[in-house]
Amino acid sequence: MDNVEKPTKVSFWSKLQSVALTVVAIMLSLGQWNDTKDAVSSAYESFVANWTNDIEYKHLSTLHVGQTQAYITSIFGNPHVSKISKSDSEIVYFYYGNKKYQLTLAIKDKRLSGYAVVGLNPDFQVSVPYTTQTLLSTPLEHYFSQTDRYFSDANNIEYYAESHDLGKKAMFYNLILGAVNYGNFSTSDRSSVKQLNADLDRGIEDVSTVLATSRKLTPNYFAVTELAPKVMVEGLLTHFEYKTLLKID
């Protein structure tokens, strides 16, 4: 009787090694290994960003006052627009446009002195630093019981913003919260801001009532800065600047 040769059994690890080598070979055939990894990573981020805000939230969470401009550029790339502060010629505002949010950096001596985020979509609820809140979810009056200082305009840009000193636990940084008209900004929000500015222009002595109405706005904007709040607020683009220089369809 002839001997029948039995097939050799291939182990699991041998199969796994073979598959891994095949995948590497395919990647290398498409180009260099690092280039392939970058392409795969970019494709993955684009896929995730199309369905969630997780990638954007992760990137924004890396921002901290005091970082170098070079480090930030390595994460966000080169800015789309820049302009020099009118209050301090050593400060340059850099702007990044995105379909979901707008990012402003205040740079002085190649160092981050402040940054601001405007949420453009209703579901872009990024965490607000030094709070347990997120943008576009909670009215201003629920963040702080009262405001330290407030800023508003209804001409070149319609907005209401208020600043809060974060104290020594946060290096005395200022947290600025507000609603800006090129973010997720409703008709009622616009009416509230216009009414506030009309009352201020009339020179009313007691602004507590109109401020109480403005503090019911749900913020789509926040900024964290070591600068004077008015300098950081100055970095807000006018509606014309945003529409012509930065808006991404």
Protein backbone atom coordinates (compact mmCIF):
# COMPACT_ATOMS: atom_id res chain seq x y z
CA MET A 1 0.00 0.00 0.00
CA ASP A 2 1.37 3.40 -0.99
CA ASN A 3 2.07 5.88 1.78
CA VAL A 4 -0.12 9.01 1.56
CA GLU A 5 1.68 12.20 2.57
CA LYS A 6 -0.37 14.24 5.01
CA PRO A 7 -0.56 18.05 4.50
CA THR A 8 1.57 20.05 6.89
CA LYS A 9 -0.48 22.03 9.40
CA VAL A 10 0.33 25.77 9.34
CA SER A 11 0.36 27.41 12.77
CA PHE A 12 -1.69 30.51 13.60
CA TRP A 13 1.44 32.61 14.11
CA SER A 14 2.84 31.59 10.74
CA LYS A 15 -0.40 32.67 9.08
CA LEU A 16 -0.35 35.97 10.97
CA GLN A 17 3.25 36.61 9.99
CA SER A 18 2.45 35.88 6.36
CA VAL A 19 -0.48 38.31 6.39
CA ALA A 20 1.61 41.01 8.05
CA LEU A 21 4.39 40.64 5.50
CA THR A 22 1.84 40.81 2.69
CA VAL A 23 0.36 44.04 4.10
CA VAL A 24 3.80 45.60 4.44
CA ALA A 25 4.69 44.55 0.90
CA ILE A 26 1.53 46.19 -0.43
CA MET A 27 2.25 49.38 1.50
CA LEU A 28 5.82 49.49 0.26
CA SER A 29 4.63 48.91 -3.29
CA LEU A 30 2.49 52.04 -2.97
CA GLY A 31 5.40 54.17 -1.82
CA GLN A 32 7.70 54.74 1.10
CA TRP A 33 6.62 53.41 4.48
CA ASN A 34 6.37 56.82 6.18
CA ASP A 35 4.47 58.30 3.26
CA THR A 36 2.06 55.38 3.34
CA LYS A 37 1.51 55.73 7.08
CA ASP A 38 0.83 59.47 6.65
CA ALA A 39 -1.63 58.76 3.84
CA VAL A 40 -3.48 56.12 5.87
CA SER A 41 -3.54 58.38 8.95
CA SER A 42 -4.84 61.32 6.91
CA ALA A 43 -7.55 59.18 5.31
CA TYR A 44 -8.60 57.87 8.73
CA GLU A 45 -8.81 61.38 10.22
CA SER A 46 -10.84 62.60 7.25
CA PHE A 47 -13.26 59.68 7.66
CA VAL A 48 -13.67 60.27 11.41
CA ALA A 49 -14.00 64.06 10.96
CA ASN A 50 -16.76 63.52 8.42
CA TRP A 51 -18.94 61.72 10.97
CA THR A 52 -17.82 63.09 14.34
CA ASN A 53 -16.04 66.08 15.90
CA ASP A 54 -13.58 63.91 17.82
CA ILE A 55 -10.51 64.78 15.74
CA GLU A 56 -11.18 68.52 16.03
CA TYR A 57 -11.83 68.25 19.77
CA LYS A 58 -8.55 66.36 20.22
CA HIS A 59 -6.53 68.94 18.28
CA LEU A 60 -8.04 71.90 20.14
CA SER A 61 -7.45 70.23 23.51
CA THR A 62 -3.70 70.38 22.85
CA LEU A 63 -3.70 74.20 22.93
CA HIS A 64 -2.24 75.87 26.02
CA VAL A 65 -1.07 79.41 26.70
CA GLY A 66 2.73 79.52 26.64
CA GLN A 67 3.29 77.08 23.77
CA THR A 68 5.62 78.02 20.95
CA GLN A 69 4.30 79.08 17.59
CA ALA A 70 6.39 76.34 15.95
CA TYR A 71 4.75 73.63 18.05
CA ILE A 72 1.24 74.85 17.25
CA THR A 73 2.05 75.03 13.54
CA SER A 74 3.19 71.41 13.66
CA ILE A 75 -0.36 70.46 14.71
CA PHE A 76 -2.60 72.91 12.85
CA GLY A 77 -0.36 73.82 9.91
CA ASN A 78 0.10 77.35 8.60
CA PRO A 79 -2.68 79.87 9.34
CA HIS A 80 -4.90 81.19 6.57
CA VAL A 81 -5.01 84.84 7.65
CA SER A 82 -3.14 87.17 10.00
CA LYS A 83 -3.37 90.75 11.23
CA ILE A 84 -1.51 92.93 13.72
CA SER A 85 -3.19 94.09 16.91
CA LYS A 86 -4.07 97.78 17.03
CA SER A 87 -3.54 97.84 20.79
CA ASP A 88 -0.10 96.17 20.80
CA SER A 89 1.97 96.03 17.61
CA GLU A 90 3.97 93.10 19.04
CA ILE A 91 0.88 90.90 19.02
CA VAL A 92 -0.16 89.18 15.80
CA TYR A 93 -3.46 87.37 15.42
CA PHE A 94 -3.39 84.23 13.30
CA TYR A 95 -6.61 82.71 11.97
CA TYR A 96 -7.51 79.19 10.90
CA GLY A 97 -10.67 78.49 8.93
CA ASN A 98 -12.59 75.26 9.21
CA LYS A 99 -16.12 74.18 8.28
CA LYS A 100 -16.84 73.41 11.93
CA TYR A 101 -14.97 76.10 13.84
CA GLN A 102 -12.77 79.16 13.56
CA LEU A 103 -9.54 79.33 15.55
CA THR A 104 -7.67 82.51 16.51
CA LEU A 105 -4.18 82.55 18.01
CA ALA A 106 -2.67 85.62 19.68
CA ILE A 107 1.10 85.30 19.22
CA LYS A 108 3.72 87.51 20.88
CA ASP A 109 7.45 86.82 20.51
CA LYS A 110 6.62 83.51 18.77
CA ARG A 111 4.73 82.39 21.88
CA LEU A 112 1.01 81.71 22.38
CA SER A 113 -0.48 84.45 24.57
CA GLY A 114 -4.09 83.50 23.95
CA TYR A 115 -6.40 81.49 21.73
CA ALA A 116 -10.07 81.65 20.81
CA VAL A 117 -12.55 79.24 19.24
CA VAL A 118 -15.87 80.00 17.55
CA GLY A 119 -18.19 77.04 17.00
CA LEU A 120 -19.84 77.35 13.59
CA ASN A 121 -22.15 74.32 13.72
CA PRO A 122 -24.84 73.62 16.35
CA ASP A 123 -23.28 70.25 17.20
CA PHE A 124 -19.73 71.57 17.64
CA GLN A 125 -19.81 71.37 21.43
CA VAL A 126 -16.12 71.52 22.26
CA SER A 127 -15.17 71.59 25.95
CA VAL A 128 -14.64 75.05 27.43
CA PRO A 129 -11.32 75.05 29.37
CA TYR A 130 -11.44 75.47 33.15
CA THR A 131 -15.16 74.64 33.23
CA THR A 132 -17.34 71.55 33.08
CA GLN A 133 -19.33 73.06 30.21
CA THR A 134 -19.18 72.90 26.43
CA LEU A 135 -19.88 75.48 23.76
CA LEU A 136 -23.39 75.72 22.34
CA SER A 137 -25.01 73.87 25.21
CA THR A 138 -25.48 76.13 28.24
CA PRO A 139 -26.48 79.82 28.61
CA LEU A 140 -23.82 82.24 29.83
CA GLU A 141 -25.58 82.80 33.16
CA HIS A 142 -24.93 79.14 34.06
CA TYR A 143 -21.14 79.47 33.75
CA PHE A 144 -20.61 82.25 36.28
CA SER A 145 -23.10 83.98 38.57
CA GLN A 146 -21.93 87.39 37.39
CA THR A 147 -19.54 88.93 34.90
CA ASP A 148 -16.30 90.76 35.65
CA ARG A 149 -16.30 92.77 32.42
CA TYR A 150 -18.36 92.72 29.26
CA PHE A 151 -17.81 93.72 25.63
CA SER A 152 -20.35 94.17 22.86
CA ASP A 153 -20.83 95.65 19.40
CA ALA A 154 -23.59 95.73 16.81
CA ASN A 155 -21.85 97.52 13.94
CA ASN A 156 -18.98 95.80 12.08
CA ILE A 157 -19.65 92.66 14.05
CA GLU A 158 -22.53 91.66 16.29
CA TYR A 159 -21.40 90.03 19.50
CA TYR A 160 -21.65 89.96 23.25
CA ALA A 161 -18.76 88.66 25.36
CA GLU A 162 -17.79 88.68 29.01
CA SER A 163 -14.47 87.99 30.71
CA HIS A 164 -13.72 86.17 33.95
CA ASP A 165 -10.46 86.14 35.90
CA LEU A 166 -9.58 82.51 36.61
CA GLY A 167 -7.45 83.32 39.66
CA LYS A 168 -4.07 82.05 40.77
CA LYS A 169 -4.97 78.37 40.25
CA ALA A 170 -5.03 79.10 36.51
CA MET A 171 -2.14 81.58 36.40
CA PHE A 172 -4.65 84.48 36.50
CA TYR A 173 -5.61 83.77 32.90
CA ASN A 174 -8.82 85.30 31.60
CA LEU A 175 -11.63 83.15 30.25
CA ILE A 176 -13.80 85.00 27.75
CA LEU A 177 -17.22 83.66 26.75
CA GLY A 178 -19.65 85.06 24.24
CA ALA A 179 -21.89 84.83 21.20
CA VAL A 180 -20.58 86.00 17.81
CA ASN A 181 -22.64 86.55 14.67
CA TYR A 182 -20.63 84.37 12.30
CA GLY A 183 -20.91 81.41 14.60
CA ASN A 184 -24.12 79.55 15.36
CA PHE A 185 -26.08 82.76 15.95
CA SER A 186 -29.88 82.95 15.83
CA THR A 187 -32.22 85.83 14.96
CA SER A 188 -33.16 86.20 18.63
CA ASP A 189 -29.44 86.33 19.56
CA ARG A 190 -28.98 89.16 17.06
CA SER A 191 -31.97 91.04 18.46
CA SER A 192 -30.63 90.71 22.00
CA VAL A 193 -27.22 92.09 21.05
CA LYS A 194 -28.74 94.95 19.05
CA GLN A 195 -31.01 95.88 21.96
CA LEU A 196 -28.10 95.88 24.41
CA ASN A 197 -26.07 98.20 22.20
CA ALA A 198 -29.04 100.48 21.56
CA ASP A 199 -29.55 100.80 25.32
CA LEU A 200 -25.85 101.47 25.89
CA ASP A 201 -25.85 104.13 23.17
CA ARG A 202 -28.76 105.84 24.93
CA GLY A 203 -26.59 106.03 28.02
CA ILE A 204 -28.81 104.13 30.44
CA GLU A 205 -27.45 104.16 33.95
CA ASP A 206 -28.64 100.74 35.09
CA VAL A 207 -27.58 98.09 32.58
CA SER A 208 -28.29 95.14 34.87
CA THR A 209 -31.61 94.33 33.20
CA VAL A 210 -30.27 94.31 29.63
CA LEU A 211 -27.16 92.43 30.75
CA ALA A 212 -29.40 89.81 32.34
CA THR A 213 -31.04 89.33 28.95
CA SER A 214 -27.67 89.10 27.18
CA ARG A 215 -26.46 86.55 29.71
CA LYS A 216 -29.20 84.19 28.53
CA LEU A 217 -27.32 83.83 25.25
CA THR A 218 -25.71 80.44 24.65
CA PRO A 219 -22.01 81.01 23.89
CA ASN A 220 -20.52 79.88 20.60
CA TYR A 221 -17.18 81.56 21.41
CA PHE A 222 -14.56 81.22 24.09
CA ALA A 223 -11.02 82.49 24.57
CA VAL A 224 -8.29 81.77 27.09
CA THR A 225 -5.57 84.39 27.44
CA GLU A 226 -2.94 85.97 29.62
CA LEU A 227 -3.52 89.25 27.76
CA ALA A 228 -5.93 91.99 28.78
CA PRO A 229 -9.40 90.76 27.76
CA LYS A 230 -10.01 93.74 25.47
CA VAL A 231 -6.87 92.83 23.49
CA MET A 232 -8.09 89.28 22.98
CA VAL A 233 -11.60 90.39 22.04
CA GLU A 234 -10.03 92.78 19.54
CA GLY A 235 -8.93 89.67 17.66
CA LEU A 236 -12.51 88.90 16.62
CA LEU A 237 -12.82 89.27 12.86
CA THR A 238 -15.46 91.65 11.61
CA HIS A 239 -18.29 90.05 9.68
CA PHE A 240 -16.79 91.36 6.43
CA GLU A 241 -13.31 90.03 7.26
CA TYR A 242 -14.66 86.62 8.16
CA LYS A 243 -16.85 86.37 5.07
CA THR A 244 -14.17 87.50 2.60
CA LEU A 245 -10.98 86.09 4.13
CA LEU A 246 -11.80 83.01 6.14
CA LYS A 247 -15.20 81.49 5.46
CA ILE A 248 -14.92 77.95 4.08
CA ASP A 249 -17.96 76.64 2.23
